């Protein structure tokens, strides 16, 4: 077992050394950044392409906290399991839109019983009084429906459809960073660039009015197993 780990480590080391030969230090335009990712020695699987923003915000200030959601133009190459808290009149439409489960009291009871086979929870506003009972269960896992994230909405079927197709939430961490996914390495350059530009615009649009100084201090794109490339924003 130790030998297998050593071989893996050596293999990873060779790939990283080869990739470092193409490292990009200065920030480049989005199209150049995506092209640069292609030059790194790739693993044998289809890498997820991530983006990270380091923002000039005060993460401890409530009026500077960023949280939202975004549906990228070309998706992210991954679907999500979505549940919907809604009235009986919307259950059929929610399931037709892709919800793995939909309902009210019976869905709450199912989750209270330990069922957690879902990635996103959406709810109609009138259901939040009921859903609040699950705060201690959903909250710590980041699954509590929220108006800011677009998961509390009157149009439950539309929200289910978007999240099932790859719509993602984002929020800043304690260091003022926001992480997101813009697709897979198997995507064409044009699609990755479109997705990256859409994410950049969403973050720029979400700038808090009270944020001072440089807002986007750094933006980096990277494959999950490759070095990052700084992007000019």
Protein backbone atom coordinates (compact mmCIF):
# COMPACT_ATOMS: atom_id res chain seq x y z
CA UNK A 1 0.00 0.00 0.00
CA UNK A 2 2.83 2.37 0.87
CA UNK A 3 4.45 1.70 -2.52
CA UNK A 4 1.21 2.51 -4.34
CA UNK A 5 0.93 5.83 -2.52
CA UNK A 6 4.53 6.64 -3.31
CA UNK A 7 4.03 5.95 -7.01
CA UNK A 8 0.93 8.12 -7.02
CA UNK A 9 2.79 10.93 -5.30
CA UNK A 10 5.64 10.68 -7.79
CA UNK A 11 3.17 10.70 -10.69
CA UNK A 12 1.43 13.78 -9.30
CA UNK A 13 4.82 15.44 -8.78
CA UNK A 14 5.85 14.86 -12.40
CA UNK A 15 2.55 16.29 -13.65
CA UNK A 16 2.86 19.37 -11.47
CA UNK A 17 6.46 19.97 -12.52
CA UNK A 18 5.43 19.72 -16.17
CA UNK A 19 2.51 22.08 -15.56
CA UNK A 20 4.69 24.60 -13.74
CA UNK A 21 6.71 25.05 -16.91
CA UNK A 22 3.62 26.76 -18.37
CA UNK A 23 2.73 28.75 -15.24
CA UNK A 24 1.20 32.18 -15.81
CA UNK A 25 2.09 34.86 -13.26
CA UNK A 26 0.58 38.04 -14.68
CA UNK A 27 -3.21 38.40 -15.00
CA UNK A 28 -4.47 37.76 -18.52
CA UNK A 29 -7.76 38.17 -20.37
CA UNK A 30 -10.39 35.43 -19.85
CA UNK A 31 -9.79 33.83 -23.28
CA UNK A 32 -6.04 33.71 -22.65
CA UNK A 33 -6.59 32.25 -19.19
CA UNK A 34 -8.69 29.39 -20.52
CA UNK A 35 -6.19 28.74 -23.31
CA UNK A 36 -3.42 28.63 -20.69
CA UNK A 37 -5.28 25.92 -18.75
CA UNK A 38 -5.07 23.68 -21.83
CA UNK A 39 -1.27 23.78 -21.72
CA UNK A 40 -1.03 22.13 -18.32
CA UNK A 41 -0.49 18.37 -18.21
CA UNK A 42 -3.92 16.95 -17.51
CA UNK A 43 -4.97 13.97 -15.38
CA UNK A 44 -6.89 11.10 -16.96
CA UNK A 45 -10.32 12.36 -15.93
CA UNK A 46 -12.41 15.34 -17.04
CA UNK A 47 -11.42 18.09 -14.63
CA UNK A 48 -13.89 20.52 -13.12
CA UNK A 49 -12.84 24.11 -13.86
CA UNK A 50 -13.10 26.40 -10.84
CA UNK A 51 -12.95 30.15 -10.37
CA UNK A 52 -11.95 31.97 -7.19
CA UNK A 53 -12.33 35.66 -6.41
CA UNK A 54 -10.44 37.36 -3.58
CA UNK A 55 -12.53 40.41 -2.76
CA UNK A 56 -11.81 43.64 -0.95
CA UNK A 57 -14.74 43.33 1.44
CA UNK A 58 -15.05 43.07 5.20
CA UNK A 59 -16.43 39.53 5.68
CA UNK A 60 -17.48 40.40 9.23
CA UNK A 61 -19.67 43.29 8.11
CA UNK A 62 -23.24 42.17 7.47
CA UNK A 63 -23.75 44.82 4.79
CA UNK A 64 -20.73 43.55 2.84
CA UNK A 65 -21.49 39.83 2.91
CA UNK A 66 -22.06 38.42 -0.56
CA UNK A 67 -24.50 35.61 -1.23
CA UNK A 68 -26.32 34.85 -4.42
CA UNK A 69 -26.90 32.34 -7.18
CA UNK A 70 -26.06 32.10 -10.85
CA UNK A 71 -27.11 29.98 -13.81
CA UNK A 72 -24.24 30.03 -16.29
CA UNK A 73 -24.94 30.21 -20.04
CA UNK A 74 -23.63 26.70 -20.75
CA UNK A 75 -24.24 24.99 -17.42
CA UNK A 76 -21.43 23.43 -15.39
CA UNK A 77 -21.49 19.86 -16.68
CA UNK A 78 -23.21 18.61 -13.56
CA UNK A 79 -26.82 18.23 -12.49
CA UNK A 80 -28.15 18.50 -8.94
CA UNK A 81 -30.76 16.64 -6.92
CA UNK A 82 -33.40 19.20 -5.96
CA UNK A 83 -36.29 19.00 -3.52
CA UNK A 84 -39.18 21.45 -3.32
CA UNK A 85 -41.19 22.56 -0.31
CA UNK A 86 -44.51 23.61 -1.79
CA UNK A 87 -48.26 23.27 -1.56
CA UNK A 88 -50.07 20.28 -3.03
CA UNK A 89 -51.10 22.39 -6.04
CA UNK A 90 -47.45 22.76 -7.10
CA UNK A 91 -46.13 19.26 -6.37
CA UNK A 92 -46.80 17.83 -9.84
CA UNK A 93 -45.22 20.83 -11.59
CA UNK A 94 -42.16 20.72 -9.30
CA UNK A 95 -41.60 17.03 -10.02
CA UNK A 96 -42.12 17.57 -13.74
CA UNK A 97 -39.40 20.25 -13.57
CA UNK A 98 -36.98 17.75 -12.07
CA UNK A 99 -37.53 17.68 -8.31
CA UNK A 100 -36.63 14.33 -6.74
CA UNK A 101 -39.18 15.01 -4.01
CA UNK A 102 -41.81 17.69 -3.40
CA UNK A 103 -44.38 18.42 -0.74
CA UNK A 104 -44.97 20.07 2.61
CA UNK A 105 -45.49 18.35 5.99
CA UNK A 106 -44.69 14.90 4.63
CA UNK A 107 -41.39 16.13 3.15
CA UNK A 108 -40.41 17.82 6.41
CA UNK A 109 -41.18 14.60 8.28
CA UNK A 110 -39.09 12.58 5.83
CA UNK A 111 -36.08 14.82 6.40
CA UNK A 112 -36.62 14.80 10.16
CA UNK A 113 -36.45 11.02 9.85
CA UNK A 114 -32.93 11.24 8.44
CA UNK A 115 -33.44 11.34 4.66
CA UNK A 116 -30.90 13.68 3.04
CA UNK A 117 -30.52 12.45 -0.56
CA UNK A 118 -30.56 15.89 -2.18
CA UNK A 119 -28.18 18.75 -3.03
CA UNK A 120 -30.50 21.77 -3.14
CA UNK A 121 -33.74 22.68 -1.40
CA UNK A 122 -36.15 25.29 -2.79
CA UNK A 123 -39.34 26.56 -1.20
CA UNK A 124 -42.26 28.83 -1.87
CA UNK A 125 -42.45 31.77 0.60
CA UNK A 126 -45.55 30.40 2.34
CA UNK A 127 -43.64 27.20 3.19
CA UNK A 128 -40.83 28.87 5.16
CA UNK A 129 -42.75 28.76 8.43
CA UNK A 130 -42.84 25.00 8.02
CA UNK A 131 -39.30 24.67 6.69
CA UNK A 132 -37.93 26.68 9.64
CA UNK A 133 -38.42 23.54 11.75
CA UNK A 134 -35.51 22.04 9.81
CA UNK A 135 -33.12 24.91 10.54
CA UNK A 136 -30.79 22.84 12.71
CA UNK A 137 -30.68 20.10 10.09
CA UNK A 138 -30.41 22.09 6.86
CA UNK A 139 -28.58 25.18 8.14
CA UNK A 140 -25.21 23.58 9.03
CA UNK A 141 -25.16 21.82 5.63
CA UNK A 142 -25.85 25.03 3.71
CA UNK A 143 -29.16 23.62 2.45
CA UNK A 144 -31.61 26.03 4.07
CA UNK A 145 -33.67 27.82 1.38
CA UNK A 146 -32.84 31.53 1.18
CA UNK A 147 -34.33 34.48 -0.73
CA UNK A 148 -30.80 35.82 -1.41
CA UNK A 149 -29.82 32.56 -3.08
CA UNK A 150 -33.02 32.43 -5.08
CA UNK A 151 -34.16 29.24 -3.40
CA UNK A 152 -37.18 30.90 -1.79
CA UNK A 153 -39.42 31.92 -4.66
CA UNK A 154 -43.08 31.89 -5.72
CA UNK A 155 -42.04 30.18 -8.97
CA UNK A 156 -40.93 26.85 -7.51
CA UNK A 157 -40.97 24.84 -10.77
CA UNK A 158 -38.67 27.36 -12.49
CA UNK A 159 -36.24 27.34 -9.54
CA UNK A 160 -36.22 23.54 -9.55
CA UNK A 161 -35.49 23.47 -13.27
CA UNK A 162 -32.58 25.95 -12.96
CA UNK A 163 -30.92 24.26 -10.00
CA UNK A 164 -31.38 20.78 -11.44
CA UNK A 165 -29.60 22.01 -14.58
CA UNK A 166 -26.61 23.29 -12.59
CA UNK A 167 -27.50 26.69 -11.17
CA UNK A 168 -25.17 27.27 -8.23
CA UNK A 169 -25.10 29.32 -5.08
CA UNK A 170 -22.11 31.38 -4.01
CA UNK A 171 -21.17 33.15 -0.80
CA UNK A 172 -18.01 34.69 0.56
CA UNK A 173 -15.96 32.80 3.14
CA UNK A 174 -14.34 34.32 6.24
CA UNK A 175 -11.36 35.52 4.19
CA UNK A 176 -13.46 37.37 1.61
CA UNK A 177 -13.12 34.69 -1.07
CA UNK A 178 -15.83 33.37 -3.36
CA UNK A 179 -15.45 30.00 -5.06
CA UNK A 180 -17.46 28.72 -8.00
CA UNK A 181 -17.50 26.27 -10.90
CA UNK A 182 -17.53 27.36 -14.54
CA UNK A 183 -17.64 23.96 -16.26
CA UNK A 184 -15.48 21.02 -17.29
CA UNK A 185 -12.24 20.83 -19.26
CA UNK A 186 -14.20 18.96 -21.93
CA UNK A 187 -16.15 22.18 -22.61
CA UNK A 188 -15.01 24.21 -25.62
CA UNK A 189 -12.92 27.30 -24.95
CA UNK A 190 -15.80 29.54 -26.03
CA UNK A 191 -18.19 27.97 -23.53
CA UNK A 192 -15.71 28.24 -20.66
CA UNK A 193 -14.98 31.87 -21.55
CA UNK A 194 -18.70 32.68 -21.72
CA UNK A 195 -19.27 31.06 -18.33
CA UNK A 196 -16.26 32.81 -16.79
CA UNK A 197 -17.37 36.20 -18.08
CA UNK A 198 -20.90 35.61 -16.77
CA UNK A 199 -19.56 34.75 -13.31
CA UNK A 200 -17.26 37.79 -13.30
CA UNK A 201 -20.14 40.09 -14.24
CA UNK A 202 -22.34 38.60 -11.51
CA UNK A 203 -19.67 39.28 -8.87
CA UNK A 204 -19.05 42.82 -10.14
CA UNK A 205 -22.78 43.54 -10.11
CA UNK A 206 -23.04 42.26 -6.53
CA UNK A 207 -20.47 44.74 -5.17
CA UNK A 208 -21.66 46.06 -1.80
CA UNK A 209 -22.18 49.83 -1.70
CA UNK A 210 -20.10 50.03 1.49
CA UNK A 211 -17.06 48.19 0.07
CA UNK A 212 -14.04 50.49 -0.14
CA UNK A 213 -10.82 50.32 -2.13
CA UNK A 214 -10.13 47.65 -4.73
CA UNK A 215 -13.13 45.35 -4.96
CA UNK A 216 -11.77 42.38 -6.94
CA UNK A 217 -8.22 41.98 -5.67
CA UNK A 218 -7.59 38.76 -7.55
CA UNK A 219 -9.43 36.32 -9.80
CA UNK A 220 -7.99 32.90 -10.62
CA UNK A 221 -9.23 30.00 -12.77
CA UNK A 222 -7.92 26.46 -12.40
CA UNK A 223 -8.66 22.86 -13.16
CA UNK A 224 -9.15 20.85 -9.97
CA UNK A 225 -5.74 19.20 -10.55
CA UNK A 226 -3.86 22.03 -12.27
CA UNK A 227 -2.17 25.31 -11.29
CA UNK A 228 -4.24 28.47 -11.28
CA UNK A 229 -4.16 31.19 -13.92
CA UNK A 230 -4.80 34.80 -12.82
CA UNK A 231 -7.53 36.58 -14.75
CA UNK A 232 -7.65 40.31 -15.48
CA UNK A 233 -10.96 41.71 -14.23
